[in-house]
Protein backbone atom coordinates (compact mmCIF):
# COMPACT_ATOMS: atom_id res chain seq x y z
CA MET A 1 44.70 36.34 14.76
CA LYS A 2 44.81 32.51 15.79
CA LYS A 3 41.07 32.84 17.03
CA LYS A 4 39.51 34.38 14.23
CA THR A 5 41.25 31.42 12.10
CA LYS A 6 39.78 28.35 14.64
CA LYS A 7 36.34 30.17 14.10
CA ARG A 8 36.79 30.26 10.59
CA LEU A 9 37.85 26.62 10.66
CA ARG A 10 35.02 25.55 13.07
CA ARG A 11 32.49 27.54 10.70
CA TRP A 12 33.43 25.34 7.57
CA LEU A 13 33.44 22.18 9.48
CA LEU A 14 30.32 23.19 10.60
CA ALA A 15 28.76 23.87 6.91
CA ILE A 16 30.85 20.47 5.29
CA GLY A 17 29.12 18.49 8.00
CA VAL A 18 25.94 20.26 7.06
CA VAL A 19 25.95 19.53 3.64
CA LEU A 20 26.95 16.00 4.02
CA ILE A 21 23.90 15.05 6.15
CA LEU A 22 21.61 17.08 3.57
CA SER A 23 23.62 15.21 0.46
CA PHE A 24 22.91 11.77 2.55
CA LEU A 25 19.49 13.02 3.03
CA ALA A 26 19.03 13.66 -0.44
CA TYR A 27 20.64 10.28 -1.45
CA PHE A 28 18.23 8.00 0.85
CA PHE A 29 15.21 10.03 -0.55
CA TYR A 30 16.02 9.94 -3.95
CA ASN A 31 16.53 5.79 -4.17
CA ASN A 32 13.64 5.00 -2.10
CA ILE A 33 11.28 6.64 -4.33
CA LYS A 34 13.35 5.71 -7.39
CA ASP A 35 13.20 2.27 -6.55
CA TYR A 36 9.85 2.20 -5.61
CA TYR A 37 8.85 4.11 -8.51
CA LYS A 38 11.50 1.50 -11.02
CA SER A 39 9.24 -1.33 -8.80
CA TYR A 40 5.46 -0.25 -9.15
CA TYR A 41 5.34 1.85 -12.06
CA GLU A 42 7.66 1.00 -15.04
CA CYS A 43 5.63 -1.97 -15.09
CA GLU A 44 2.88 -2.27 -17.38
CA GLY A 45 1.02 -4.52 -14.76
CA VAL A 46 0.22 -7.97 -15.00
CA ASN A 47 -1.17 -9.85 -18.19
CA ILE A 48 -4.21 -11.50 -15.93
CA ASP A 49 -5.95 -14.40 -16.88
CA ASN A 50 -9.06 -13.87 -17.53
CA LYS A 51 -10.35 -18.01 -16.98
CA LYS A 52 -8.65 -17.75 -13.47
CA TYR A 53 -9.92 -14.20 -12.46
CA THR A 54 -13.40 -13.25 -13.62
CA VAL A 55 -14.19 -10.43 -10.88
CA PHE A 56 -12.96 -6.90 -11.36
CA GLY A 57 -12.61 -3.61 -9.77
CA ILE A 58 -11.18 -0.40 -9.17
CA ASP A 59 -10.08 1.96 -6.84
CA VAL A 60 -10.31 5.73 -7.22
CA SER A 61 -9.94 8.96 -5.36
CA SER A 62 -10.14 12.61 -6.43
CA HIS A 63 -7.04 11.74 -8.65
CA GLN A 64 -9.30 10.51 -11.23
CA ASP A 65 -11.27 13.67 -11.17
CA GLU A 66 -15.14 13.19 -12.44
CA ILE A 67 -16.17 9.41 -13.06
CA ASP A 68 -18.57 8.43 -15.64
CA TRP A 69 -20.12 5.74 -13.38
CA GLU A 70 -23.09 4.52 -15.71
CA LYS A 71 -19.67 3.76 -18.23
CA VAL A 72 -17.68 2.14 -15.98
CA GLU A 73 -20.69 -0.45 -14.95
CA GLU A 74 -21.11 -0.60 -18.53
CA ASP A 75 -17.60 -1.77 -19.06
CA GLY A 76 -17.79 -5.38 -16.27
CA ILE A 77 -16.36 -3.71 -13.32
CA GLU A 78 -18.03 -5.60 -10.40
CA PHE A 79 -16.61 -3.23 -7.51
CA ALA A 80 -15.24 0.36 -6.38
CA TYR A 81 -13.18 1.44 -3.41
CA ILE A 82 -13.12 4.11 -3.14
CA LYS A 83 -10.63 6.76 -1.07
CA ALA A 84 -12.98 8.11 1.98
CA THR A 85 -9.96 10.39 4.06
CA GLU A 86 -6.19 10.09 4.77
CA GLY A 87 -3.90 11.10 8.37
CA ILE A 88 -5.87 12.71 10.70
CA ASP A 89 -7.89 15.18 8.95
CA PHE A 90 -7.77 14.90 4.85
CA VAL A 91 -11.00 13.98 3.52
CA ASP A 92 -11.46 13.40 -0.23
CA LYS A 93 -13.63 15.98 -2.19
CA ARG A 94 -15.01 13.59 -4.55
CA TYR A 95 -15.58 10.55 -1.64
CA LYS A 96 -19.65 11.28 -1.57
CA THR A 97 -20.00 11.67 -4.93
CA ASN A 98 -18.47 8.75 -6.22
CA TYR A 99 -20.08 6.70 -3.36
CA LEU A 100 -23.40 8.23 -4.50
CA LYS A 101 -22.85 7.52 -8.14
CA ALA A 102 -21.46 3.97 -7.80
CA LYS A 103 -23.91 2.80 -6.05
CA GLU A 104 -26.42 4.17 -8.07
CA ASN A 105 -25.09 2.34 -11.10
CA GLY A 106 -25.08 -1.37 -9.00
CA ILE A 107 -21.45 -1.03 -8.38
CA LEU A 108 -20.59 -2.63 -5.18
CA VAL A 109 -18.67 -0.23 -2.74
CA GLY A 110 -16.30 0.53 -0.07
CA ALA A 111 -14.23 3.01 1.55
CA TYR A 112 -10.16 3.28 2.44
CA HIS A 113 -8.49 5.38 4.48
CA PHE A 114 -4.76 6.35 3.40
CA PHE A 115 -2.36 5.97 6.49
CA ARG A 116 -0.07 8.54 7.59
CA PHE A 117 2.89 7.81 9.64
CA GLY A 118 3.89 9.43 12.48
CA THR A 119 0.18 10.39 13.74
CA SER A 120 -2.14 9.22 16.10
CA GLY A 121 -4.09 6.08 14.59
CA LYS A 122 -7.01 6.55 16.83
CA GLU A 123 -7.54 9.56 15.14
CA GLN A 124 -7.09 8.62 11.64
CA ALA A 125 -9.47 5.96 12.99
CA GLN A 126 -11.98 8.99 13.94
CA ASN A 127 -11.48 10.69 10.75
CA PHE A 128 -12.73 7.75 9.09
CA ILE A 129 -15.61 7.18 11.45
CA ASN A 130 -16.65 10.78 10.94
CA GLN A 131 -16.54 10.15 6.71
CA VAL A 132 -18.08 6.75 6.53
CA SER A 133 -21.32 4.90 7.10
CA ILE A 134 -20.57 1.83 7.38
CA GLU A 135 -24.22 0.46 7.34
CA ASN A 136 -24.14 1.47 3.47
CA LEU A 137 -21.02 -0.16 2.09
CA ASP A 138 -21.22 -3.48 0.56
CA LEU A 139 -17.53 -4.65 1.29
CA PRO A 140 -15.22 -4.08 4.67
CA PRO A 141 -13.49 -1.02 5.07
CA VAL A 142 -9.85 -0.91 3.98
CA LEU A 143 -6.86 0.33 5.40
CA ASP A 144 -3.85 1.66 2.80
CA VAL A 145 -0.41 1.21 4.65
CA GLU A 146 2.52 2.13 2.51
CA ARG A 147 5.69 3.52 2.12
CA HIS A 148 4.80 5.42 -0.61
CA GLY A 149 3.00 9.42 0.28
CA ASN A 150 5.08 8.80 4.17
CA TYR A 151 8.94 8.60 2.99
CA LEU A 152 9.42 11.98 4.99
CA SER A 153 8.21 9.83 8.25
CA PHE A 154 11.15 9.46 10.50
CA SER A 155 8.79 7.17 12.64
CA LYS A 156 10.25 3.28 14.20
CA VAL A 157 8.53 0.83 12.67
CA ASP A 158 7.42 -0.86 16.02
CA GLN A 159 5.66 2.33 16.75
CA ILE A 160 4.70 2.35 12.99
CA ARG A 161 2.75 -1.00 14.30
CA ILE A 162 1.77 0.11 17.21
CA GLU A 163 -0.66 2.90 15.43
CA ILE A 164 -1.73 0.58 12.84
CA LYS A 165 -2.78 -1.56 15.80
CA ASN A 166 -4.97 1.72 17.14
CA TYR A 167 -6.47 2.31 14.14
CA LEU A 168 -7.65 -1.21 13.60
CA ASN A 169 -8.69 -1.62 17.10
CA GLU A 170 -10.51 1.67 16.64
CA ILE A 171 -12.37 0.70 13.30
CA GLU A 172 -13.52 -2.30 14.98
CA LYS A 173 -14.90 -1.01 18.06
CA ASN A 174 -16.85 0.87 16.23
CA TYR A 175 -17.78 -0.83 13.17
CA PHE A 176 -17.58 -4.55 14.63
CA ILE A 177 -15.57 -6.11 11.78
CA LYS A 178 -12.13 -6.28 10.84
CA PRO A 179 -10.83 -3.81 7.95
CA ILE A 180 -8.98 -5.42 5.34
CA ILE A 181 -5.47 -4.10 5.03
CA TYR A 182 -4.42 -2.91 1.61
CA THR A 183 -0.24 -2.69 1.10
CA ASN A 184 2.28 -3.67 -1.28
CA ILE A 185 4.96 -6.20 -0.93
CA GLU A 186 7.72 -3.81 1.17
CA GLY A 187 4.88 -2.49 3.04
CA TYR A 188 3.25 -6.33 3.76
CA GLN A 189 7.52 -7.41 4.71
CA ASP A 190 8.09 -4.05 6.72
CA TYR A 191 5.13 -4.15 8.44
CA ILE A 192 2.43 -6.07 8.65
CA LYS A 193 3.84 -9.74 8.21
CA GLY A 194 3.70 -11.87 11.47
CA HIS A 195 1.98 -8.90 13.24
CA PHE A 196 -1.30 -8.64 11.83
CA ASP A 197 -2.33 -12.08 10.28
CA GLU A 198 -5.26 -12.24 11.47
CA TYR A 199 -6.73 -9.55 8.51
CA GLU A 200 -7.46 -9.98 5.27
CA ILE A 201 -4.96 -8.36 2.56
CA TRP A 202 -5.20 -6.90 -0.57
CA ILE A 203 -2.52 -7.08 -1.70
CA CYS A 204 -0.72 -4.85 -4.34
CA ARG A 205 1.56 -6.78 -6.84
CA ILE A 206 1.77 -5.41 -10.38
CA CYS A 207 4.41 -7.00 -11.88
CA SER A 208 4.39 -10.57 -11.45
CA GLU A 209 0.93 -12.48 -9.49
CA PRO A 210 0.85 -12.99 -6.01
CA ASP A 211 3.73 -15.80 -4.48
CA ASN A 212 0.49 -17.31 -2.42
CA ASN A 213 -2.99 -17.44 -2.19
CA HIS A 214 -3.31 -15.59 0.89
CA TRP A 215 -5.14 -11.98 -0.27
CA THR A 216 -8.95 -11.12 -0.71
CA PHE A 217 -7.90 -8.58 -3.32
CA TRP A 218 -5.35 -8.32 -5.90
CA GLN A 219 -4.43 -4.87 -7.24
CA TYR A 220 -2.58 -5.78 -10.64
CA SER A 221 -2.28 -2.72 -12.34
CA HIS A 222 -1.41 0.97 -11.91
CA LYS A 223 -2.24 1.87 -15.72
CA GLY A 224 -5.56 0.21 -16.25
CA LYS A 225 -7.96 1.97 -19.07
CA VAL A 226 -11.67 1.42 -17.81
CA ASP A 227 -14.52 3.74 -19.78
CA GLY A 228 -16.04 6.59 -18.00
CA ILE A 229 -13.18 7.49 -16.35
CA ASP A 230 -10.24 9.94 -18.25
CA GLY A 231 -6.48 8.42 -17.53
CA LYS A 232 -5.36 5.24 -15.76
CA VAL A 233 -6.52 4.03 -12.74
CA ASP A 234 -5.91 0.93 -10.47
CA LEU A 235 -7.29 -2.32 -11.42
CA ASN A 236 -7.82 -4.98 -9.11
CA THR A 237 -9.32 -8.56 -8.92
CA PHE A 238 -11.02 -10.67 -6.12
CA ASN A 239 -9.83 -14.32 -5.14
CA GLY A 240 -12.29 -16.19 -6.62
CA ASP A 241 -15.33 -16.35 -9.16
CA ILE A 242 -18.30 -14.87 -8.99
CA GLU A 243 -20.44 -17.14 -6.83
CA ASP A 244 -17.27 -16.69 -3.99
CA PHE A 245 -17.20 -12.79 -4.55
CA ILE A 246 -21.76 -12.73 -4.08
CA GLU A 247 -21.08 -14.60 -0.98
CA TYR A 248 -17.86 -12.35 0.70
CA VAL A 249 -20.49 -9.81 0.07
CA ASN A 250 -23.40 -11.54 1.37
CA GLN A 251 -21.22 -12.69 4.60
CA TYR A 252 -20.12 -9.21 4.67
CA LYS A 253 -23.54 -8.10 4.84
CA GLU A 254 -24.76 -10.35 7.53
CA LEU A 255 -21.76 -9.12 9.73
CA GLN A 256 -23.82 -5.69 9.67
CA ARG A 257 -26.98 -6.57 10.90
């Protein structure tokens, strides 16, 4: 009887331990996701100063479904960053169509890759390289680095930075140009600041204007409305006026030669 009692006790203790661990993990993920959505999706976006910022763009993926790019251009959109790839093997099904249609309608185009934690940076870069012909882009390639979408990864911060650097090195080796890093405030503080200062930043901050001027693009809303797109779309602006933007594009095209 004593042996059976001890076995039952061990089983109960084991079960309680498992429940406690699962409860902790659930609480951890809930709080991280809740804080992210509270910070970024409860805000409607910044009421931007149209005199200070005059060059506007969007970033899109297959989530926007079919886009009428003629109407997008008529609505005053100057540039579009289009999702090309994610991780080591995902290819956005609308990348090529979006790219071609945007170019046909006179919109300046760039491509971005969504970075997955816990996988090879070199392999992720190769996925992007396989899909994107850099000679046909008007804007530098972008690496999207953020915790959102990576909550199930338990990779250490140092290892994440190593793989980010591996990705960037591979892109530079193939395209002979430094990519832009897209990230939000948390991602910048956690992974980028002090480690990738030589790269241009595309900052996501939709509840207030960025604190400093050290950015090239600013994503200021996740809830934008643009003609030609059903539903909401991310809105962005360039750090400069239209003359600065044209010069920026021309400098990039010079680097491609």
